[in-house]
Amino acid sequence: MNNKTNFFEIFKKVQYRSLKHTNYFSIYDEIFEKFKDKKITLVEVGVTNGGSLMMWREYFKDNANIIGIDYNPAAKKWEKYGYKIFIGDQSNSNFWKSFFEEVGNIDILIDDGGHTNEQQLATFHSCYKHINKDGIMFFEDTHSSYLREFGNPSKYSFINFCHSLIDKQNKKSIEKNNLTYLSKIYKIQFYQSVVIFFFNEDKAKASSSIDNGGETINAEDYRLKDTKIFNFIDQIKIMVRKITSQKIYNLIKKIYPYFKFLIFKIKNRNNKKYFR
């Protein structure tokens, strides 16, 4: 029998209105379980009718210090229910500076605020330094990056920033960078309308190749054997090595990667059929 708390069941029972997408609840169930029995600080941007604050409280019980942020001063009314409420502009770095000076670092940041590119980007850049180890930043309604009412599509949308982060994340082991957030983020998960960043500096370190020192047997590299032109070039390299000096052969080896690059540039055009 499964006795796990179900976010959707909680959502249906809270007293005050909350508006969520139907797929969010299974994501909440998956992501927040590891925090349930820990003393945490959870911050939600976008309080509105208070329903989601009550959903977090019902799920985490007394283990969570739940804080709400809203631009509407009327949101202060939720403090009578035991929540600490801050009134401020999430796109204002000075607001965040004073917020973290008072609150300190946090474990979970849920952005369900205004959903403009500027608001989401400013929230990310103002908050990432203040997420505790093994904490997360949870951005909701990221489909706003495709809506005209938010000025999108745009080169500078929040989701395009996330795309650029994927590139930087995947190049950590081959390209140095000075971006502080890359030294903290070790995982990024994408769901429909949700992007989640996971923080742990130990796990976020650039990786490197490692050899276990085991015995090598018949380990010829076959990765390009399916491409006839590379098989042909390999045969030429073997022949050249036999009939010419080491100096000339070394020169050919230096040129070869550039030639491979050109071949793959041509071959990559065939991959267009997969991008649908």
Protein backbone atom coordinates (compact mmCIF):
# COMPACT_ATOMS: atom_id res chain seq x y z
CA MET A 1 0.00 0.00 0.00
CA ASN A 2 1.34 3.45 -0.97
CA ASN A 3 1.07 5.86 1.97
CA LYS A 4 2.96 8.71 0.34
CA THR A 5 1.35 12.12 0.49
CA ASN A 6 -0.11 13.13 -2.86
CA PHE A 7 0.18 16.79 -3.80
CA PHE A 8 -2.94 16.74 -5.93
CA GLU A 9 -5.03 15.47 -3.02
CA ILE A 10 -3.65 18.27 -0.84
CA PHE A 11 -4.28 20.82 -3.59
CA LYS A 12 -7.96 19.87 -3.81
CA LYS A 13 -8.48 20.28 -0.07
CA VAL A 14 -6.77 23.60 0.72
CA GLN A 15 -9.16 26.35 1.74
CA TYR A 16 -8.01 29.12 -0.58
CA ARG A 17 -7.67 29.20 -4.36
CA SER A 18 -4.50 28.10 -6.14
CA LEU A 19 -4.00 27.86 -9.91
CA LYS A 20 -1.61 25.16 -11.18
CA HIS A 21 -1.07 23.14 -14.35
CA THR A 22 -2.18 19.53 -14.11
CA ASN A 23 1.29 18.07 -14.72
CA TYR A 24 2.86 19.99 -11.81
CA PHE A 25 1.59 17.68 -9.10
CA SER A 26 3.52 14.61 -10.21
CA ILE A 27 6.62 16.83 -10.45
CA TYR A 28 6.04 18.07 -6.90
CA ASP A 29 5.65 14.47 -5.73
CA GLU A 30 8.93 13.51 -7.39
CA ILE A 31 11.07 16.51 -6.47
CA PHE A 32 9.96 17.50 -2.98
CA GLU A 33 9.90 14.10 -1.32
CA LYS A 34 13.59 14.28 -0.34
CA PHE A 35 12.94 17.51 1.58
CA LYS A 36 9.91 16.31 3.52
CA ASP A 37 11.56 15.22 6.75
CA LYS A 38 14.20 17.95 6.83
CA LYS A 39 14.22 21.37 8.41
CA ILE A 40 14.08 23.66 5.37
CA THR A 41 13.33 27.18 4.26
CA LEU A 42 11.00 27.38 1.28
CA VAL A 43 10.38 30.65 -0.56
CA GLU A 44 7.56 31.07 -3.05
CA VAL A 45 7.44 34.07 -5.37
CA GLY A 46 3.82 34.83 -6.23
CA VAL A 47 1.35 34.45 -3.34
CA THR A 48 -1.96 35.71 -4.82
CA ASN A 49 -4.80 33.85 -3.05
CA GLY A 50 -2.57 31.96 -0.63
CA GLY A 51 -3.66 28.47 -1.67
CA SER A 52 -0.20 27.25 -2.64
CA LEU A 53 1.29 28.50 0.64
CA MET A 54 -1.21 26.29 2.41
CA MET A 55 -0.39 23.38 0.11
CA TRP A 56 3.31 23.63 1.03
CA ARG A 57 2.42 23.84 4.72
CA GLU A 58 0.20 20.78 4.57
CA TYR A 59 2.90 18.79 2.80
CA PHE A 60 5.98 19.81 4.78
CA LYS A 61 4.16 20.34 8.10
CA ASP A 62 6.30 22.05 10.74
CA ASN A 63 9.60 21.06 9.10
CA ALA A 64 9.43 24.02 6.73
CA ASN A 65 9.85 27.73 7.26
CA ILE A 66 7.55 28.93 4.47
CA ILE A 67 8.03 32.45 3.14
CA GLY A 68 5.97 34.22 0.49
CA ILE A 69 6.96 37.08 -1.80
CA ASP A 70 4.51 39.23 -3.72
CA TYR A 71 4.38 42.68 -5.32
CA ASN A 72 0.86 43.27 -4.02
CA PRO A 73 0.88 44.76 -0.49
CA ALA A 74 -2.44 43.00 0.20
CA ALA A 75 -0.52 39.70 0.38
CA LYS A 76 0.58 40.72 3.89
CA LYS A 77 -2.77 39.38 5.11
CA TRP A 78 -1.38 35.84 4.92
CA GLU A 79 0.94 36.55 7.82
CA LYS A 80 -1.98 35.97 10.18
CA TYR A 81 -1.82 32.32 9.07
CA GLY A 82 1.79 32.02 10.20
CA TYR A 83 3.63 32.77 6.96
CA LYS A 84 6.30 35.45 6.68
CA ILE A 85 5.42 37.67 3.70
CA PHE A 86 7.77 40.05 1.91
CA ILE A 87 6.44 42.71 -0.44
CA GLY A 88 8.77 43.57 -3.31
CA ASP A 89 9.67 43.47 -7.00
CA GLN A 90 11.32 40.20 -7.99
CA SER A 91 13.13 41.91 -10.88
CA ASN A 92 14.84 44.32 -8.46
CA SER A 93 18.24 43.09 -7.27
CA ASN A 94 18.13 45.51 -4.29
CA PHE A 95 14.95 43.85 -3.06
CA TRP A 96 16.65 40.45 -3.15
CA LYS A 97 19.75 41.82 -1.44
CA SER A 98 17.74 43.06 1.53
CA PHE A 99 15.64 39.89 1.52
CA PHE A 100 18.62 37.56 1.87
CA GLU A 101 20.28 39.84 4.41
CA GLU A 102 17.25 39.24 6.62
CA VAL A 103 16.39 35.64 5.76
CA GLY A 104 19.76 34.08 4.97
CA ASN A 105 20.25 31.18 2.60
CA ILE A 106 17.30 29.00 1.61
CA ASP A 107 16.66 25.45 0.42
CA ILE A 108 13.84 25.82 -2.09
CA LEU A 109 12.96 28.78 -4.32
CA ILE A 110 9.70 28.42 -6.26
CA ASP A 111 9.15 31.12 -8.86
CA ASP A 112 5.44 31.39 -9.63
CA GLY A 113 5.58 35.16 -9.93
CA GLY A 114 5.09 37.48 -12.89
CA HIS A 115 6.65 35.15 -15.50
CA THR A 116 8.22 37.89 -17.62
CA ASN A 117 11.68 37.22 -19.00
CA GLU A 118 13.18 39.95 -16.83
CA GLN A 119 11.48 38.71 -13.66
CA GLN A 120 12.58 35.11 -14.15
CA LEU A 121 16.13 36.02 -15.19
CA ALA A 122 16.57 38.56 -12.38
CA THR A 123 15.25 36.05 -9.85
CA PHE A 124 17.70 33.41 -11.03
CA HIS A 125 20.71 35.74 -10.92
CA SER A 126 19.74 37.29 -7.59
CA CYS A 127 19.03 33.99 -5.83
CA TYR A 128 21.44 31.31 -7.03
CA LYS A 129 24.20 32.33 -4.60
CA HIS A 130 21.79 31.91 -1.70
CA ILE A 131 20.62 28.35 -2.34
CA ASN A 132 21.92 25.86 0.24
CA LYS A 133 23.82 22.74 -0.78
CA ASP A 134 21.38 20.20 -2.27
CA GLY A 135 18.77 22.93 -2.62
CA ILE A 136 16.79 23.78 -5.75
CA MET A 137 15.33 26.62 -7.77
CA PHE A 138 11.97 25.66 -9.27
CA PHE A 139 10.65 27.86 -12.11
CA GLU A 140 7.01 27.39 -13.07
CA ASP A 141 5.07 28.42 -16.17
CA THR A 142 8.16 28.61 -18.37
CA HIS A 143 5.88 28.36 -21.42
CA SER A 144 5.68 32.16 -20.99
CA SER A 145 8.92 32.20 -23.02
CA TYR A 146 6.76 31.37 -26.06
CA LEU A 147 3.85 33.76 -25.47
CA ARG A 148 3.47 37.04 -27.37
CA GLU A 149 1.97 38.73 -24.31
CA PHE A 150 5.40 38.42 -22.69
CA GLY A 151 7.24 39.75 -25.76
CA ASN A 152 8.26 36.32 -26.95
CA PRO A 153 9.72 34.56 -28.82
CA SER A 154 12.88 36.49 -27.96
CA LYS A 155 16.60 35.81 -28.11
CA TYR A 156 16.66 36.92 -24.47
CA SER A 157 13.81 34.81 -23.12
CA PHE A 158 14.21 32.83 -19.92
CA ILE A 159 14.05 29.50 -21.74
CA ASN A 160 16.78 30.60 -24.15
CA PHE A 161 18.94 31.42 -21.14
CA CYS A 162 18.27 27.86 -19.94
CA HIS A 163 19.26 26.53 -23.37
CA SER A 164 22.54 28.45 -23.18
CA LEU A 165 23.11 26.98 -19.72
CA ILE A 166 22.78 23.47 -21.14
CA ASP A 167 25.56 24.26 -23.61
CA LYS A 168 27.78 25.67 -20.88
CA GLN A 169 27.02 22.74 -18.58
CA ASN A 170 28.00 20.22 -21.25
CA LYS A 171 31.25 22.07 -22.02
CA LYS A 172 32.49 22.19 -18.43
CA SER A 173 35.06 19.46 -19.00
CA ILE A 174 36.47 20.98 -22.19
CA GLU A 175 36.10 24.73 -21.74
CA LYS A 176 36.91 26.89 -18.73
CA ASN A 177 34.46 29.58 -17.66
CA ASN A 178 34.13 32.15 -14.90
CA LEU A 179 30.37 31.84 -14.35
CA THR A 180 29.76 31.40 -10.64
CA TYR A 181 26.42 29.67 -11.08
CA LEU A 182 28.03 26.92 -13.15
CA SER A 183 30.25 26.09 -10.19
CA LYS A 184 27.09 25.49 -8.13
CA ILE A 185 24.59 23.88 -10.52
CA TYR A 186 25.14 20.19 -11.09
CA LYS A 187 21.83 19.26 -12.71
CA ILE A 188 19.05 20.93 -14.71
CA GLN A 189 15.73 19.17 -15.25
CA PHE A 190 13.18 20.19 -17.85
CA TYR A 191 9.53 19.29 -17.69
CA GLN A 192 6.53 20.67 -19.53
CA SER A 193 6.39 24.33 -18.38
CA VAL A 194 8.89 23.74 -15.55
CA VAL A 195 12.66 24.12 -15.23
CA ILE A 196 14.47 23.02 -12.05
CA PHE A 197 18.08 23.80 -11.07
CA PHE A 198 19.86 21.58 -8.54
CA PHE A 199 22.72 22.98 -6.43
CA ASN A 200 25.72 21.17 -5.01
CA GLU A 201 29.23 22.56 -5.52
CA ASP A 202 30.89 19.17 -5.02
CA LYS A 203 28.82 17.53 -7.74
CA ALA A 204 29.07 20.60 -10.00
CA LYS A 205 32.84 20.41 -10.47
CA ALA A 206 34.12 19.99 -14.02
CA SER A 207 34.61 16.31 -14.81
CA SER A 208 37.68 14.72 -16.39
CA SER A 209 38.51 11.40 -18.04
CA ILE A 210 39.82 8.64 -15.81
CA ASP A 211 41.43 5.33 -16.70
CA ASN A 212 41.04 2.37 -14.35
CA GLY A 213 44.39 0.96 -15.49
CA GLY A 214 42.85 -2.27 -16.69
CA GLU A 215 44.31 -4.52 -19.39
CA THR A 216 43.69 -3.54 -23.02
CA ILE A 217 42.86 -6.29 -25.52
CA ASN A 218 41.97 -5.71 -29.20
CA ALA A 219 40.85 -2.17 -28.45
CA GLU A 220 41.03 -0.73 -31.95
CA ASP A 221 38.88 2.40 -32.27
CA TYR A 222 35.87 1.56 -34.46
CA ARG A 223 33.85 4.72 -33.87
CA LEU A 224 34.32 5.96 -37.47
CA LYS A 225 34.28 2.58 -39.21
CA ASP A 226 30.75 3.21 -40.46
CA THR A 227 31.97 6.13 -42.62
CA LYS A 228 33.69 4.97 -45.82
CA ILE A 229 35.76 8.11 -46.33
CA PHE A 230 37.37 7.74 -42.90
CA ASN A 231 38.20 4.11 -43.60
CA PHE A 232 39.83 5.23 -46.83
CA ILE A 233 41.81 7.96 -45.06
CA ASP A 234 42.94 5.53 -42.37
CA GLN A 235 44.36 3.27 -45.09
CA ILE A 236 46.20 6.22 -46.61
CA LYS A 237 47.60 7.19 -43.19
CA ILE A 238 48.90 3.66 -42.70
CA MET A 239 50.53 3.69 -46.15
CA VAL A 240 52.05 7.17 -45.64
CA ARG A 241 53.47 6.12 -42.30
CA LYS A 242 55.29 3.26 -44.00
CA ILE A 243 56.82 5.27 -46.86
CA THR A 244 57.57 8.68 -45.39
CA SER A 245 59.42 10.26 -42.48
CA GLN A 246 58.00 10.65 -38.98
CA LYS A 247 58.10 14.44 -39.40
CA ILE A 248 55.80 14.37 -42.43
CA TYR A 249 53.53 11.84 -40.77
CA ASN A 250 53.22 14.07 -37.68
CA LEU A 251 52.28 16.98 -39.95
CA ILE A 252 49.53 14.89 -41.53
CA LYS A 253 48.25 13.99 -38.06
CA LYS A 254 47.97 17.69 -37.22
CA ILE A 255 46.03 18.42 -40.40
CA TYR A 256 43.72 15.42 -40.02
CA PRO A 257 41.44 16.89 -37.27
CA TYR A 258 40.64 19.89 -39.49
CA PHE A 259 39.77 17.58 -42.33
CA LYS A 260 37.52 15.56 -40.01
CA PHE A 261 35.80 18.78 -38.96
CA LEU A 262 35.00 19.64 -42.60
CA ILE A 263 33.69 16.14 -43.31
CA PHE A 264 31.41 16.25 -40.28
CA LYS A 265 30.16 19.74 -41.21
CA ILE A 266 29.05 18.29 -44.52
CA LYS A 267 27.59 15.15 -42.96
CA ASN A 268 25.72 17.16 -40.30
CA ARG A 269 23.46 18.58 -43.00
CA ASN A 270 21.90 15.15 -43.28
CA ASN A 271 20.83 15.38 -39.63
CA LYS A 272 18.27 18.06 -40.46
CA LYS A 273 15.67 15.31 -40.87
CA TYR A 274 15.89 14.54 -37.14
CA PHE A 275 15.09 18.13 -36.08
CA ARG A 276 11.35 18.12 -36.47
